[in-house]
Protein backbone atom coordinates (compact mmCIF):
# COMPACT_ATOMS: atom_id res chain seq x y z
CA MET A 1 132.70 -2.45 61.37
CA LYS A 2 129.85 -1.81 64.03
CA PHE A 3 125.85 -3.51 62.50
CA ALA A 4 122.58 -3.05 64.20
CA ILE A 5 119.73 -5.97 63.70
CA VAL A 6 116.68 -4.54 64.24
CA GLY A 7 113.50 -7.18 64.51
CA GLY A 8 113.61 -10.03 61.82
CA ASP A 9 113.13 -13.76 62.23
CA VAL A 10 115.62 -16.74 62.58
CA ARG A 11 117.80 -15.85 59.47
CA CYS A 12 118.39 -12.04 61.44
CA ALA A 13 119.44 -14.54 64.65
CA ARG A 14 121.79 -16.38 62.30
CA LEU A 15 122.63 -13.35 60.35
CA SER A 16 124.00 -12.00 63.47
CA GLY A 17 126.48 -14.79 64.16
CA LEU A 18 127.77 -14.98 61.05
CA LEU A 19 128.68 -11.20 61.04
CA SER A 20 129.76 -11.77 64.67
CA GLY A 21 131.72 -14.65 63.62
CA ASP A 22 133.75 -12.64 60.92
CA GLY A 23 134.87 -10.24 63.48
CA HIS A 24 132.42 -7.21 63.79
CA LYS A 25 130.36 -5.96 66.87
CA VAL A 26 126.59 -6.78 66.34
CA LEU A 27 123.83 -5.13 68.76
CA SER A 28 119.95 -6.33 67.91
CA PHE A 29 116.71 -4.99 69.18
CA ALA A 30 113.60 -6.29 68.74
CA LEU A 31 114.71 -10.39 68.63
CA GLU A 32 114.37 -10.49 72.49
CA LYS A 33 112.42 -13.62 71.86
CA LEU A 34 115.35 -15.70 69.63
CA SER A 35 118.51 -17.04 71.32
CA LEU A 36 121.07 -15.03 69.89
CA PRO A 37 125.04 -16.08 69.64
CA ALA A 38 127.31 -14.77 72.76
CA GLY A 39 129.15 -12.40 70.58
CA VAL A 40 125.51 -10.03 70.16
CA VAL A 41 124.50 -7.57 72.14
CA LYS A 42 120.81 -7.41 72.75
CA ALA A 43 120.41 -3.63 73.17
CA SER A 44 118.17 -2.52 75.76
CA CYS A 45 116.05 0.36 73.37
CA LEU A 46 116.35 1.06 69.43
CA GLN A 47 118.39 4.16 69.78
CA SER A 48 120.98 2.55 71.89
CA CYS A 49 120.98 -0.38 69.34
CA VAL A 50 121.44 1.77 66.07
CA TYR A 51 123.43 4.91 67.82
CA GLY A 52 126.72 4.80 66.31
CA ALA A 53 126.09 1.64 64.13
CA ASP A 54 127.79 1.78 60.10
CA CYS A 55 125.17 -0.80 58.55
CA VAL A 56 121.34 -1.16 60.28
CA VAL A 57 119.89 -4.23 58.79
CA LEU A 58 116.14 -5.13 58.58
CA PRO A 59 114.55 -8.03 58.00
CA CYS A 60 113.12 -9.32 54.11
CA PRO A 61 110.79 -8.09 53.78
CA ALA A 62 111.18 -5.25 56.04
CA GLU A 63 107.76 -4.23 56.61
CA SER A 64 104.00 -4.64 56.56
CA GLY A 65 101.80 -1.89 56.85
CA GLY A 66 104.08 0.63 57.92
CA LEU A 67 105.29 -1.24 61.05
CA LEU A 68 108.46 -3.62 61.43
CA ASN A 69 108.35 -7.14 60.75
CA ALA A 70 109.37 -8.88 64.04
CA PRO A 71 107.85 -11.76 65.14
CA TYR A 72 110.07 -12.54 67.69
CA SER A 73 109.61 -9.29 69.80
CA ASP A 74 107.11 -7.96 71.58
CA ASN A 75 108.08 -3.82 70.62
CA VAL A 76 105.74 -2.43 67.75
CA LEU A 77 108.22 -0.19 65.59
CA ARG A 78 107.23 2.03 63.06
CA MET A 79 109.29 2.37 60.25
CA GLN A 80 108.83 6.10 60.59
CA GLU A 81 110.44 5.57 64.26
CA ILE A 82 112.81 3.79 63.44
CA ILE A 83 114.30 6.01 60.53
CA SER A 84 114.42 8.26 62.68
CA ALA A 85 116.17 6.93 64.67
CA LEU A 86 118.96 7.58 62.00
CA TRP A 87 121.47 9.34 61.23
CA PRO A 88 122.59 11.14 57.63
CA TYR A 89 124.49 8.95 56.22
CA GLN A 90 123.93 5.72 58.12
CA LEU A 91 123.81 2.73 55.73
CA LEU A 92 120.02 0.62 56.16
CA CYS A 93 119.77 -2.85 54.68
CA GLY A 94 116.36 -4.01 54.43
CA GLY A 95 114.09 -5.72 52.17
CA ASN A 96 111.12 -4.17 50.13
CA PHE A 97 111.01 -0.63 51.41
CA SER A 98 107.35 0.68 51.15
CA GLU A 99 106.88 3.93 48.57
CA GLU A 100 106.27 5.65 51.91
CA SER A 101 109.36 4.46 53.51
CA ALA A 102 111.49 4.62 50.82
CA ALA A 103 110.76 8.65 50.91
CA LEU A 104 111.30 8.87 54.32
CA ILE A 105 114.37 7.15 53.88
CA GLN A 106 115.44 9.87 51.47
CA ARG A 107 114.18 12.57 53.39
CA ALA A 108 116.54 11.30 56.20
CA GLY A 109 119.62 11.73 53.99
CA LEU A 110 120.21 7.75 54.58
CA LYS A 111 122.08 5.50 52.45
CA ALA A 112 119.68 2.52 51.48
CA GLY A 113 120.23 -1.06 50.51
CA ASP A 114 116.96 -2.82 48.90
CA MET A 115 117.98 -6.22 49.05
CA LEU A 116 114.85 -7.48 47.62
CA ARG A 117 115.52 -5.20 44.74
CA ARG A 118 118.78 -6.82 44.00
CA SER A 119 119.29 -9.38 41.31
CA ASP A 120 122.21 -11.23 43.35
CA PHE A 121 119.97 -11.84 46.40
CA VAL A 122 116.76 -12.26 44.82
CA VAL A 123 117.83 -14.99 42.38
CA GLY A 124 119.75 -16.89 45.56
CA ASN A 125 116.41 -16.27 47.98
CA ALA A 126 114.09 -17.64 44.91
CA ASP A 127 116.58 -20.99 44.72
CA ILE A 128 117.02 -21.40 48.33
CA THR A 129 112.64 -21.16 48.50
CA ALA A 130 112.06 -23.53 45.67
CA GLU A 131 114.63 -26.50 47.50
CA GLY A 132 112.13 -25.79 50.47
CA ALA A 133 109.32 -26.50 48.09
CA VAL A 134 110.00 -29.37 47.24
CA GLY A 135 111.10 -30.43 50.50
CA LEU A 136 108.11 -29.68 52.06
CA LEU A 137 106.06 -31.57 49.32
CA LEU A 138 107.70 -34.55 50.38
CA LYS A 139 107.27 -34.19 53.91
CA GLU A 140 103.84 -33.37 53.31
CA SER A 141 102.93 -36.26 51.01
CA GLU A 142 102.91 -39.60 51.00
CA ARG A 143 104.06 -39.77 47.80
CA CYS A 144 107.68 -39.51 45.82
CA ALA A 145 108.41 -36.87 43.71
CA ARG A 146 108.77 -39.39 41.08
CA GLY A 147 105.91 -39.44 38.64
CA ALA A 148 104.16 -36.74 40.54
CA ARG A 149 101.84 -34.99 38.72
CA VAL A 150 102.55 -31.34 39.98
CA LEU A 151 100.95 -28.12 38.61
CA ILE A 152 103.39 -25.10 39.42
CA CYS A 153 101.14 -21.85 39.23
CA GLY A 154 103.50 -18.96 37.94
CA TRP A 155 106.48 -18.74 35.71
CA GLY A 156 108.53 -16.71 37.91
CA ARG A 157 112.10 -17.23 39.24
CA ILE A 158 110.50 -19.26 42.03
CA GLY A 159 108.45 -21.18 39.47
CA LYS A 160 111.32 -21.75 37.08
CA LEU A 161 113.70 -23.46 39.72
CA LEU A 162 111.00 -25.37 41.71
CA ALA A 163 110.00 -27.09 38.27
CA ALA A 164 113.46 -27.75 37.35
CA LYS A 165 114.15 -29.37 40.83
CA LEU A 166 110.74 -31.43 40.43
CA SER A 167 111.63 -32.47 36.62
CA ALA A 168 115.08 -33.76 37.62
CA LEU A 169 113.27 -35.81 40.53
CA GLY A 170 110.96 -37.33 37.88
CA ALA A 171 108.31 -35.50 38.84
CA ASN A 172 105.89 -34.39 35.90
CA VAL A 173 105.37 -30.95 35.73
CA THR A 174 102.37 -28.42 34.07
CA VAL A 175 103.18 -24.73 34.18
CA THR A 176 100.02 -22.33 33.94
CA ALA A 177 100.90 -18.39 33.58
CA ARG A 178 99.25 -15.51 32.05
CA LYS A 179 101.48 -15.23 29.13
CA GLY A 180 100.85 -17.03 26.21
CA ALA A 181 105.21 -16.68 25.77
CA GLU A 182 105.88 -17.97 28.78
CA LEU A 183 103.74 -21.02 28.26
CA ALA A 184 105.51 -21.28 25.18
CA MET A 185 108.75 -21.41 27.16
CA ALA A 186 107.80 -23.72 29.50
CA GLN A 187 106.84 -25.99 26.32
CA ALA A 188 110.33 -25.63 25.23
CA LEU A 189 111.71 -26.57 27.90
CA GLY A 190 109.71 -29.92 28.30
CA TYR A 191 106.72 -28.59 30.47
CA GLY A 192 103.33 -28.84 29.95
CA ALA A 193 101.63 -25.92 29.79
CA LEU A 194 98.02 -24.68 30.76
CA SER A 195 96.72 -21.21 30.51
CA TYR A 196 94.35 -20.08 33.59
CA ALA A 197 91.42 -20.53 31.63
CA ARG A 198 91.61 -24.15 30.69
CA LEU A 199 92.57 -24.49 34.88
CA GLU A 200 89.20 -25.65 35.89
CA GLN A 201 89.17 -28.18 33.12
CA GLU A 202 92.01 -29.88 34.38
CA ALA A 203 91.82 -29.33 37.93
CA GLY A 204 91.45 -32.78 38.68
CA SER A 205 94.43 -33.98 36.85
CA PHE A 206 96.79 -33.26 39.93
CA ASP A 207 98.44 -34.73 43.04
CA TRP A 208 100.88 -31.32 44.31
CA VAL A 209 99.89 -27.82 43.40
CA VAL A 210 101.92 -25.23 44.08
CA ASN A 211 100.96 -21.60 43.88
CA THR A 212 104.10 -18.30 43.48
CA VAL A 213 101.68 -15.76 42.55
CA PRO A 214 100.34 -13.42 45.25
CA ALA A 215 96.80 -12.76 43.14
CA ARG A 216 94.09 -15.14 43.16
CA VAL A 217 95.11 -16.98 39.92
CA ILE A 218 92.87 -20.29 41.07
CA SER A 219 89.25 -19.75 41.14
CA ASP A 220 86.91 -21.67 43.90
CA ALA A 221 85.14 -23.33 41.53
CA ALA A 222 88.90 -25.20 40.35
CA LEU A 223 89.66 -25.87 43.78
CA CYS A 224 86.07 -27.71 44.23
CA LEU A 225 87.36 -29.45 41.68
CA MET A 226 90.64 -31.40 42.63
CA ALA A 227 91.02 -34.47 43.79
CA ASP A 228 90.41 -35.08 47.25
CA ASP A 229 94.41 -36.31 47.46
CA THR A 230 95.73 -33.00 46.38
CA LEU A 231 98.55 -31.17 48.22
CA ILE A 232 98.28 -27.53 47.49
CA VAL A 233 101.19 -25.50 49.14
CA GLU A 234 101.15 -21.59 48.97
CA LEU A 235 104.59 -19.82 48.14
CA ALA A 236 103.25 -16.51 47.90
CA SER A 237 102.58 -13.45 50.29
CA ALA A 238 99.01 -12.00 50.74
CA PRO A 239 96.46 -12.06 49.19
CA GLY A 240 97.57 -15.59 48.21
CA GLY A 241 96.77 -17.37 44.86
CA PHE A 242 93.86 -19.10 46.28
CA ASP A 243 91.03 -19.16 49.12
CA ALA A 244 93.26 -21.35 51.78
CA LYS A 245 90.10 -21.51 53.93
CA LEU A 246 87.72 -23.12 51.20
CA ALA A 247 90.17 -25.06 50.25
CA GLU A 248 90.45 -26.93 53.73
CA ASN A 249 86.85 -26.99 54.08
CA ILE A 250 86.64 -28.92 51.00
CA GLY A 251 88.82 -31.15 52.10
CA LEU A 252 92.28 -31.04 50.96
CA LYS A 253 95.93 -30.56 52.31
CA VAL A 254 96.67 -27.09 52.17
CA CYS A 255 100.36 -25.94 53.12
CA LEU A 256 100.56 -22.39 53.54
CA ALA A 257 104.62 -21.10 53.38
CA PRO A 258 105.28 -17.63 52.52
CA GLY A 259 108.52 -17.03 53.76
CA LEU A 260 109.74 -20.87 53.32
CA PRO A 261 113.88 -19.61 53.29
CA GLY A 262 113.42 -18.06 56.99
CA LYS A 263 111.81 -21.53 57.96
CA CYS A 264 113.13 -23.67 56.25
CA ALA A 265 116.51 -23.18 55.61
CA PRO A 266 117.23 -19.59 58.11
CA LEU A 267 121.35 -20.43 58.28
CA SER A 268 121.63 -20.86 54.39
CA ALA A 269 119.33 -17.18 53.75
CA ALA A 270 120.98 -15.80 56.54
CA MET A 271 124.47 -16.40 54.53
CA LEU A 272 122.70 -15.29 51.44
CA MET A 273 121.55 -11.71 53.42
CA LYS A 274 125.39 -11.50 54.46
CA GLU A 275 127.04 -11.94 51.18
CA THR A 276 124.38 -8.97 49.77
CA ILE A 277 124.91 -7.00 52.49
CA TYR A 278 129.12 -7.53 51.93
CA ASN A 279 127.77 -6.08 48.27
CA ILE A 280 126.22 -3.13 49.15
CA ILE A 281 128.78 -2.13 51.43
CA ALA A 282 131.28 -2.49 49.04
CA GLU A 283 129.41 -0.76 46.44
CA GLN A 284 128.48 2.27 48.44
CA GLU A 285 132.45 2.28 49.37
CA GLU A 286 133.20 2.62 45.91
CA GLN A 287 130.72 5.74 45.51
CA GLY A 288 132.28 7.41 47.83
């Protein structure tokens, strides 16, 4: 098969090598600032990269504000420009296409696979994120996990996996969430449970705070009440769960780590992307 990889971070560079190693022809564009395997062709333009490709791969997430996510390129590409360069029935894989892009994809007659809407990818990505978060906490702190008092904001996939990993290392984990049912489940699994309404009262009780919620759930008052040596980690995308500048200004140690899989384990993240893309291709073939 012929793959075209357009934009992305180190994950996409590693993915190009994995696909090439499987015997596929791989072209890339908007990755020129990264070193790519010898078998991967760096195309001179978008059109030459995607022409005749069986599968065009965009990053996870694919875009921000209608622009391709391409931090290792000087090229600024609009999603509309990329979609317009493709032919009907080409397969386009990426992550978290906007409503506008999804409409353009449909009108262009493309086949699409949104990896961030697939449970096989999302669960695997959450597991890599949780493991990376554990490594980040241990790297950035002077304490070990055993006995550490940890607050995890959010009870989604990442929050659940992170709680399990930290608890297995001996940390004292408390979960905060909006819904009573989520807090009840956390308690049933042996974790502490804290409503957001009580967060300010308990904010000074934790050594590590990890946010997984892409919304402001930690108030400015709660930040100001945290102990001076608290390490606070942001895993969520913008706007994040707290005011990072305020946290830094009051002396808290802040680690901003959205997109952690691409930073902590790009090869594992690329392997997950490859497996998911192969699954999408197989499903498309079954559908005819």
